[in-house]
Amino acid sequence: MTFTKFALSNLKRNKVRSFLTALSLVVSAATLTIVLSLDRGYGAAVQNDLVDKTGIHLYVTKEGCPIEAASVIAQGGLSPLYVSEDVVAKLRTMPEIDVVFAFQLFSITTSDGSRTDIFMGVDENVAKVKPDWQYASGGFFENDSSVILGAEMARLEQRKVGEKIFVEAYNREFTISGILKRSYSQDDGMIFMPLHVAQQLVDRVGKLSAVAAKLKDVSNLNRTRNNIRAMLPNDYFVIGSKELSDGIMQFFASTRVIMFAMVGIAFLISVFGIINTMLMAILERKKEIAYLKCVGAEKNDLLHLIALETGIISIAGSAIGTIIGLILSPVFGNMLRKYLVAYVPSGSIADPTLAIVLLSFFACTIVGILCSLYPAYRASRIVPMEVLRNE
């Protein structure tokens, strides 16, 4: 009989205990896969929304903290601070700036609290700073009562170009002049309207959420930022799009801590479960191990046998857990989307890559095998004469 067959026969002798031990590793591997997928996916989605899928390089805002600025710029928060429209004219005099884009953002929660819609007041420069700004149907605003819907918003509202949409909070009806193609960015869930109309609705005439700038040469970003700061009052701040993305990730920090704490707890459960299982197995088989040593089994043979038994459990549990985590990652991504207090990106929050799958599998397998060292050491210390004499 080979070591493998011997190890399998030992595991089959107590199937329930072997199953429960493997189950602890299933939970660990699945948890690790899901957490890593959500962590990577959220960061990639935020980066994609706020940096990669926009031509904006700098934001001028009254919010000095990137986290606060992120809340206003990305989520539509109506801050008591605002940027004066005078800034737009000043920025347009700078030769290093290609496009100046002024906007007003605000959000409205429906009366039943089931949905929060984000509105954005824009001008004709919006298409110049948003590479994915393309129409599926219709076109730009026709008048002050026109709006443009993102692809997802059009789907939710079941509206087409030329149809009406009613904004309950302002008791006002708008006509849909255009519907954007799906860009898998934050724009998909937005309602766009003329800038001056948005300012009137929130009583912010002449005031802006922020002003965005697209540079002619990105390599001059730091110098341009310093030049902008020099020409504006001290209570204005210039924030890069990457800083904005990093600010959003700081929102997510507390959620990340909780998720990784869950991974740590799952691993602790697995470690104690495996060690306890293998120690119990050794105590029950002390006589058997003593006989093996009597017929010539050495310490290395016993270490090999115990490690093999644990390895079989670890590989099976880690493989099953990783597959389950791979399947459940999108499910937990959708759940996280509903409860996030930070910025909710338009793209998928879960991103279970091959690297994450392999990391989860090998990490859990190695932890499982390492847990066999102490039980194997205990088995190798068994003295045959003492065990058989007591028997």
Protein backbone atom coordinates (compact mmCIF):
# COMPACT_ATOMS: atom_id res chain seq x y z
CA MET A 1 0.00 0.00 0.00
CA THR A 2 1.34 3.44 -0.98
CA PHE A 3 1.44 6.46 1.32
CA THR A 4 -1.38 8.09 -0.65
CA LYS A 5 -3.71 5.09 -0.37
CA PHE A 6 -2.88 4.75 3.32
CA ALA A 7 -3.61 8.45 3.92
CA LEU A 8 -6.94 8.23 2.03
CA SER A 9 -7.99 5.15 4.00
CA ASN A 10 -7.24 6.99 7.26
CA LEU A 11 -9.36 9.98 6.18
CA LYS A 12 -12.25 7.70 5.22
CA ARG A 13 -12.31 6.14 8.68
CA ASN A 14 -13.94 9.31 10.03
CA LYS A 15 -15.63 10.94 7.07
CA VAL A 16 -17.60 13.50 9.07
CA ARG A 17 -14.51 14.86 10.81
CA SER A 18 -12.57 15.01 7.56
CA PHE A 19 -15.46 16.79 5.87
CA LEU A 20 -15.78 19.40 8.63
CA THR A 21 -12.03 20.04 8.53
CA ALA A 22 -12.13 20.54 4.78
CA LEU A 23 -15.18 22.76 5.21
CA SER A 24 -13.21 25.20 7.38
CA LEU A 25 -10.74 25.60 4.51
CA VAL A 26 -13.60 25.96 2.03
CA VAL A 27 -14.85 28.93 4.06
CA SER A 28 -11.36 30.45 4.28
CA ALA A 29 -10.60 30.07 0.57
CA ALA A 30 -14.01 31.38 -0.47
CA THR A 31 -13.76 34.36 1.89
CA LEU A 32 -10.26 35.23 0.73
CA THR A 33 -11.25 34.98 -2.95
CA ILE A 34 -14.33 37.17 -2.47
CA VAL A 35 -12.53 39.82 -0.40
CA LEU A 36 -9.58 40.10 -2.78
CA SER A 37 -11.96 40.26 -5.75
CA LEU A 38 -14.00 43.04 -4.17
CA ASP A 39 -10.92 44.96 -3.08
CA ARG A 40 -9.32 44.84 -6.51
CA GLY A 41 -12.57 45.32 -8.40
CA TYR A 42 -13.65 48.38 -6.43
CA GLY A 43 -10.29 50.08 -6.84
CA ALA A 44 -10.20 49.33 -10.58
CA ALA A 45 -13.80 50.55 -11.06
CA VAL A 46 -13.13 53.84 -9.26
CA GLN A 47 -9.93 54.38 -11.23
CA ASN A 48 -11.78 53.62 -14.46
CA ASP A 49 -14.69 55.97 -13.67
CA LEU A 50 -12.77 58.96 -12.39
CA VAL A 51 -9.42 58.76 -14.18
CA ASP A 52 -9.32 56.45 -17.20
CA LYS A 53 -12.72 57.24 -18.70
CA THR A 54 -12.48 60.99 -18.51
CA GLY A 55 -10.34 63.60 -20.19
CA ILE A 56 -10.29 65.69 -17.03
CA HIS A 57 -6.88 66.23 -15.48
CA LEU A 58 -7.52 68.86 -12.79
CA TYR A 59 -10.44 70.05 -10.66
CA VAL A 60 -10.77 73.49 -9.10
CA THR A 61 -12.84 73.25 -5.94
CA LYS A 62 -13.41 74.89 -2.58
CA GLU A 63 -13.02 71.52 -0.85
CA GLY A 64 -9.38 71.21 0.18
CA CYS A 65 -9.64 67.63 1.39
CA PRO A 66 -9.67 65.10 -1.49
CA ILE A 67 -12.22 63.01 0.40
CA GLU A 68 -14.65 65.93 0.74
CA ALA A 69 -14.04 66.95 -2.86
CA ALA A 70 -14.70 63.39 -3.96
CA SER A 71 -18.03 63.42 -2.15
CA VAL A 72 -19.10 66.60 -3.94
CA ILE A 73 -17.72 65.82 -7.39
CA ALA A 74 -18.48 62.11 -7.59
CA GLN A 75 -21.65 61.70 -5.55
CA GLY A 76 -23.51 64.91 -6.21
CA GLY A 77 -23.35 66.24 -2.68
CA LEU A 78 -24.49 69.87 -2.44
CA SER A 79 -21.76 71.40 -0.33
CA PRO A 80 -22.23 74.83 1.30
CA LEU A 81 -18.96 75.73 -0.43
CA TYR A 82 -19.02 76.60 -4.10
CA VAL A 83 -16.80 77.79 -6.94
CA SER A 84 -17.61 81.13 -8.51
CA GLU A 85 -18.20 81.26 -12.26
CA ASP A 86 -15.49 83.93 -12.46
CA VAL A 87 -12.94 81.11 -12.22
CA VAL A 88 -14.03 79.77 -15.61
CA ALA A 89 -13.03 82.95 -17.43
CA LYS A 90 -9.65 83.02 -15.65
CA LEU A 91 -8.83 79.42 -16.58
CA ARG A 92 -9.73 80.00 -20.22
CA THR A 93 -7.00 82.62 -20.46
CA MET A 94 -4.32 80.02 -19.67
CA PRO A 95 -2.65 78.74 -22.88
CA GLU A 96 -1.71 75.37 -21.34
CA ILE A 97 -5.37 74.46 -20.74
CA ASP A 98 -7.21 72.90 -23.66
CA VAL A 99 -10.78 72.73 -22.31
CA VAL A 100 -12.47 74.29 -19.27
CA PHE A 101 -15.58 72.44 -18.14
CA ALA A 102 -17.88 74.00 -15.53
CA PHE A 103 -20.56 71.87 -13.92
CA GLN A 104 -23.16 71.74 -11.15
CA LEU A 105 -23.87 68.43 -9.45
CA PHE A 106 -26.73 67.59 -7.12
CA SER A 107 -28.65 64.51 -6.10
CA ILE A 108 -32.32 63.86 -5.30
CA THR A 109 -33.69 60.95 -3.32
CA THR A 110 -37.13 59.73 -4.35
CA SER A 111 -40.02 60.26 -1.91
CA ASP A 112 -40.09 56.56 -1.00
CA GLY A 113 -36.32 56.55 -0.40
CA SER A 114 -35.77 53.71 -2.83
CA ARG A 115 -33.49 55.56 -5.23
CA THR A 116 -31.15 58.52 -5.40
CA ASP A 117 -30.76 60.17 -8.79
CA ILE A 118 -27.73 62.29 -9.67
CA PHE A 119 -28.24 65.35 -11.85
CA MET A 120 -25.46 67.20 -13.62
CA GLY A 121 -25.68 70.63 -15.15
CA VAL A 122 -23.30 70.84 -18.12
CA ASP A 123 -22.48 73.01 -21.12
CA GLU A 124 -21.33 72.15 -24.64
CA ASN A 125 -17.79 71.38 -23.41
CA VAL A 126 -18.96 68.14 -21.78
CA ALA A 127 -18.30 66.16 -24.98
CA LYS A 128 -14.71 67.47 -25.09
CA VAL A 129 -13.77 66.11 -21.65
CA LYS A 130 -15.73 62.85 -21.81
CA PRO A 131 -14.29 60.52 -24.47
CA ASP A 132 -17.28 58.17 -24.23
CA TRP A 133 -19.89 60.91 -24.68
CA GLN A 134 -21.75 59.44 -27.66
CA TYR A 135 -25.45 59.41 -28.39
CA ALA A 136 -27.44 56.22 -28.84
CA SER A 137 -30.26 58.44 -30.06
CA GLY A 138 -31.11 62.13 -30.15
CA GLY A 139 -28.62 64.89 -29.44
CA PHE A 140 -27.69 67.89 -27.30
CA PHE A 141 -30.15 70.09 -25.40
CA GLU A 142 -32.75 71.80 -27.56
CA ASN A 143 -33.95 74.25 -24.91
CA ASP A 144 -34.03 74.86 -21.16
CA SER A 145 -36.55 72.05 -20.68
CA SER A 146 -34.34 69.41 -22.30
CA VAL A 147 -32.41 66.67 -20.54
CA ILE A 148 -30.03 63.92 -21.64
CA LEU A 149 -30.24 60.50 -19.99
CA GLY A 150 -27.46 58.06 -19.40
CA ALA A 151 -28.03 54.55 -20.79
CA GLU A 152 -28.90 52.98 -17.44
CA MET A 153 -31.18 55.85 -16.43
CA ALA A 154 -33.06 55.52 -19.76
CA ARG A 155 -33.46 51.81 -19.10
CA LEU A 156 -34.75 52.35 -15.57
CA GLU A 157 -37.18 55.06 -16.63
CA GLN A 158 -38.21 53.21 -19.81
CA ARG A 159 -37.99 56.44 -21.76
CA LYS A 160 -37.09 57.35 -25.36
CA VAL A 161 -36.04 60.56 -27.09
CA GLY A 162 -38.96 63.00 -27.30
CA GLU A 163 -40.72 61.59 -24.25
CA LYS A 164 -41.22 63.44 -20.98
CA ILE A 165 -39.63 62.83 -17.59
CA PHE A 166 -41.03 64.37 -14.42
CA VAL A 167 -38.80 65.52 -11.55
CA GLU A 168 -41.03 65.29 -8.49
CA ALA A 169 -38.74 67.26 -6.16
CA TYR A 170 -39.02 70.39 -8.33
CA ASN A 171 -42.48 69.71 -9.77
CA ARG A 172 -41.06 70.18 -13.23
CA GLU A 173 -41.30 68.20 -16.46
CA PHE A 174 -38.46 67.84 -18.95
CA THR A 175 -38.25 66.52 -22.50
CA ILE A 176 -35.59 63.96 -23.34
CA SER A 177 -33.43 65.35 -26.16
CA GLY A 178 -30.81 62.59 -26.13
CA ILE A 179 -29.86 59.22 -24.70
CA LEU A 180 -26.20 58.33 -24.34
CA LYS A 181 -24.58 55.09 -25.40
CA ARG A 182 -23.62 52.84 -22.51
CA SER A 183 -20.11 53.73 -21.40
CA TYR A 184 -19.95 51.59 -18.24
CA SER A 185 -19.07 54.72 -16.30
CA GLN A 186 -20.91 56.93 -13.81
CA ASP A 187 -22.52 58.73 -16.74
CA ASP A 188 -24.80 55.74 -17.38
CA GLY A 189 -26.85 56.53 -14.28
CA MET A 190 -26.99 60.32 -14.60
CA ILE A 191 -29.49 62.88 -15.81
CA PHE A 192 -27.83 65.80 -17.63
CA MET A 193 -29.40 69.23 -18.04
CA PRO A 194 -28.26 72.71 -19.13
CA LEU A 195 -25.86 74.20 -16.60
CA HIS A 196 -27.85 77.37 -15.90
CA VAL A 197 -31.05 75.31 -15.38
CA ALA A 198 -29.32 73.11 -12.80
CA GLN A 199 -28.04 76.22 -11.02
CA GLN A 200 -31.55 77.66 -10.89
CA LEU A 201 -33.06 74.44 -9.51
CA VAL A 202 -30.68 74.34 -6.54
CA ASP A 203 -30.59 78.13 -6.10
CA ARG A 204 -26.93 78.35 -7.11
CA VAL A 205 -26.99 80.90 -9.95
CA GLY A 206 -23.42 81.92 -10.75
CA LYS A 207 -22.10 79.13 -8.51
CA LEU A 208 -20.55 75.77 -9.47
CA SER A 209 -19.80 72.47 -7.77
CA ALA A 210 -16.34 72.56 -9.35
CA VAL A 211 -14.52 73.46 -12.54
CA ALA A 212 -12.66 70.79 -14.49
CA ALA A 213 -9.72 71.36 -16.80
CA LYS A 214 -8.28 69.27 -19.61
CA LEU A 215 -4.64 70.06 -20.37
CA LYS A 216 -2.97 70.22 -23.74
CA ASP A 217 0.08 68.41 -22.36
CA VAL A 218 -0.36 66.16 -19.31
CA SER A 219 3.38 66.23 -18.64
CA ASN A 220 2.90 69.85 -17.54
CA LEU A 221 0.28 68.92 -14.95
CA ASN A 222 2.23 69.95 -11.83
CA ARG A 223 3.36 73.24 -13.33
CA THR A 224 -0.15 74.04 -14.55
CA ARG A 225 -1.59 73.20 -11.13
CA ASN A 226 0.85 75.61 -9.49
CA ASN A 227 -0.02 78.33 -12.00
CA ILE A 228 -3.73 77.90 -11.31
CA ARG A 229 -3.18 78.06 -7.57
CA ALA A 230 -1.18 81.25 -7.99
CA MET A 231 -3.98 83.02 -9.86
CA LEU A 232 -6.81 82.02 -7.52
CA PRO A 233 -7.64 83.12 -3.95
CA ASN A 234 -6.24 81.07 -1.07
CA ASP A 235 -9.57 79.40 -0.32
CA TYR A 236 -9.51 77.58 -3.68
CA PHE A 237 -7.85 74.21 -4.19
CA VAL A 238 -6.64 72.38 -7.30
CA ILE A 239 -6.99 68.60 -7.14
CA GLY A 240 -5.80 66.07 -9.71
CA SER A 241 -8.13 63.32 -10.94
CA LYS A 242 -5.80 60.71 -9.40
CA GLU A 243 -6.03 62.45 -6.02
CA LEU A 244 -9.81 62.35 -6.35
CA SER A 245 -9.67 58.61 -7.01
CA ASP A 246 -7.41 58.13 -3.97
CA GLY A 247 -9.84 60.16 -1.88
CA ILE A 248 -12.66 57.82 -2.85
CA MET A 249 -10.54 54.82 -1.82
CA GLN A 250 -10.12 56.38 1.62
CA PHE A 251 -13.92 56.32 1.89
CA PHE A 252 -13.70 52.59 1.27
CA ALA A 253 -10.94 52.04 3.84
CA SER A 254 -13.22 51.11 6.76
CA THR A 255 -15.07 48.59 4.60
CA ARG A 256 -11.75 47.06 3.54
CA VAL A 257 -10.66 46.69 7.17
CA ILE A 258 -13.86 44.82 8.00
CA MET A 259 -13.47 42.54 4.99
CA PHE A 260 -9.86 41.63 5.74
CA ALA A 261 -10.75 41.09 9.41
CA MET A 262 -13.25 38.50 8.19
CA VAL A 263 -10.45 36.78 6.27
CA GLY A 264 -8.29 36.71 9.38
CA ILE A 265 -11.08 35.19 11.47
CA ALA A 266 -11.75 32.56 8.80
CA PHE A 267 -8.08 31.61 8.74
CA LEU A 268 -7.92 31.32 12.54
CA ILE A 269 -10.92 29.00 12.50
CA SER A 270 -9.24 26.88 9.83
CA VAL A 271 -5.93 26.71 11.67
CA PHE A 272 -7.42 25.61 14.98
CA GLY A 273 -9.81 23.25 13.22
CA ILE A 274 -7.07 21.46 11.30
CA ILE A 275 -4.69 21.21 14.26
CA ASN A 276 -7.48 19.91 16.50
CA THR A 277 -8.61 17.36 13.91
CA MET A 278 -5.14 15.96 13.28
CA LEU A 279 -4.31 15.82 16.99
CA MET A 280 -7.52 13.88 17.66
CA ALA A 281 -6.71 11.54 14.79
CA ILE A 282 -3.25 10.88 16.23
CA LEU A 283 -4.57 10.26 19.75
CA GLU A 284 -7.08 7.75 18.38
CA ARG A 285 -4.35 6.01 16.37
CA LYS A 286 -1.57 5.93 18.95
CA LYS A 287 -1.56 2.14 19.02
CA GLU A 288 -1.53 1.98 15.24
CA ILE A 289 1.35 4.45 15.04
CA ALA A 290 3.24 2.47 17.68
CA TYR A 291 2.89 -0.71 15.59
CA LEU A 292 4.08 1.16 12.51
CA LYS A 293 7.21 2.24 14.37
CA CYS A 294 7.72 -1.34 15.56
CA VAL A 295 7.75 -2.64 12.00
CA GLY A 296 10.28 -0.05 10.83
CA ALA A 297 8.42 3.25 10.26
CA GLU A 298 10.71 6.18 10.93
CA LYS A 299 9.96 9.74 12.02
CA ASN A 300 10.13 10.99 8.44
CA ASP A 301 7.60 8.34 7.38
CA LEU A 302 5.13 9.51 10.02
CA LEU A 303 5.72 13.17 9.12
CA HIS A 304 5.13 12.25 5.49
CA LEU A 305 1.91 10.39 6.31
CA ILE A 306 0.39 13.11 8.51
CA ALA A 307 1.40 15.87 6.08
CA LEU A 308 -0.12 13.87 3.21
CA GLU A 309 -3.43 13.43 5.04
CA THR A 310 -3.56 17.13 5.84
CA GLY A 311 -2.47 18.00 2.31
CA ILE A 312 -5.32 16.02 0.78
CA ILE A 313 -7.84 17.83 2.99
CA SER A 314 -6.19 21.20 2.32
CA ILE A 315 -6.07 20.82 -1.46
CA ALA A 316 -9.66 19.60 -1.68
CA GLY A 317 -11.00 22.29 0.68
CA SER A 318 -8.98 25.11 -0.91
CA ALA A 319 -9.97 24.12 -4.45
CA ILE A 320 -13.68 23.90 -3.64
CA GLY A 321 -13.58 27.13 -1.62
CA THR A 322 -11.79 29.04 -4.36
CA ILE A 323 -14.34 27.91 -6.95
CA ILE A 324 -17.21 28.91 -4.65
CA GLY A 325 -15.57 32.30 -4.04
CA LEU A 326 -15.15 32.77 -7.78
CA ILE A 327 -18.86 32.10 -8.33
CA LEU A 328 -20.09 34.20 -5.40
CA SER A 329 -17.84 37.25 -5.96
CA PRO A 330 -20.28 38.99 -8.36
CA VAL A 331 -23.15 38.26 -5.96
CA PHE A 332 -21.33 39.89 -3.04
CA GLY A 333 -20.27 42.72 -5.36
CA ASN A 334 -23.92 43.54 -6.04
CA MET A 335 -24.71 43.33 -2.32
CA LEU A 336 -21.84 45.67 -1.50
CA ARG A 337 -23.08 48.12 -4.13
CA LYS A 338 -26.38 48.49 -2.23
CA TYR A 339 -24.79 49.23 1.13
CA LEU A 340 -21.73 51.29 0.21
CA VAL A 341 -21.61 54.68 1.87
CA ALA A 342 -18.67 55.64 -0.32
CA TYR A 343 -18.73 56.30 -4.05
CA VAL A 344 -20.55 53.58 -6.00
CA PRO A 345 -18.79 53.05 -9.35
CA SER A 346 -20.70 52.11 -12.46
CA GLY A 347 -18.51 49.14 -13.37
CA SER A 348 -18.45 45.74 -11.69
CA ILE A 349 -17.18 45.92 -8.12
CA ALA A 350 -15.98 42.29 -8.15
CA ASP A 351 -12.96 41.39 -10.27
CA PRO A 352 -11.83 37.80 -9.55
CA THR A 353 -8.68 37.47 -11.64
CA LEU A 354 -6.58 34.33 -12.21
CA ALA A 355 -3.91 35.73 -9.89
CA ILE A 356 -6.47 36.07 -7.08
CA VAL A 357 -7.73 32.53 -7.65
CA LEU A 358 -4.21 31.08 -7.53
CA LEU A 359 -3.26 33.19 -4.50
CA SER A 360 -6.34 32.06 -2.57
CA PHE A 361 -5.82 28.40 -3.46
CA PHE A 362 -2.11 28.24 -2.63
CA ALA A 363 -2.39 30.42 0.49
CA CYS A 364 -5.08 28.21 2.02
CA THR A 365 -3.33 25.00 0.95
CA ILE A 366 -0.02 26.09 2.45
CA VAL A 367 -1.69 27.19 5.68
CA GLY A 368 -3.43 23.82 5.90
CA ILE A 369 -0.21 21.86 5.35
CA LEU A 370 1.70 24.00 7.86
CA CYS A 371 -0.97 23.18 10.43
CA SER A 372 0.02 19.51 10.15
CA LEU A 373 3.55 20.12 11.46
CA TYR A 374 2.68 20.09 15.16
CA PRO A 375 0.41 17.00 15.00
CA ALA A 376 3.06 15.23 12.88
CA TYR A 377 5.70 16.13 15.46
CA ARG A 378 3.50 14.68 18.22
CA ALA A 379 3.07 11.48 16.21
CA SER A 380 6.82 11.13 15.66
CA ARG A 381 7.41 11.43 19.45
CA ILE A 382 5.24 8.44 20.31
CA VAL A 383 7.25 5.74 22.11
CA PRO A 384 5.97 2.28 21.04
CA MET A 385 6.88 0.52 24.33
CA GLU A 386 4.90 3.00 26.45
CA VAL A 387 1.79 2.78 24.25
CA LEU A 388 1.84 -1.03 23.97
CA ARG A 389 2.58 -1.50 27.67
CA ASN A 390 -0.42 0.64 28.59
CA GLU A 391 -2.55 -1.34 26.16
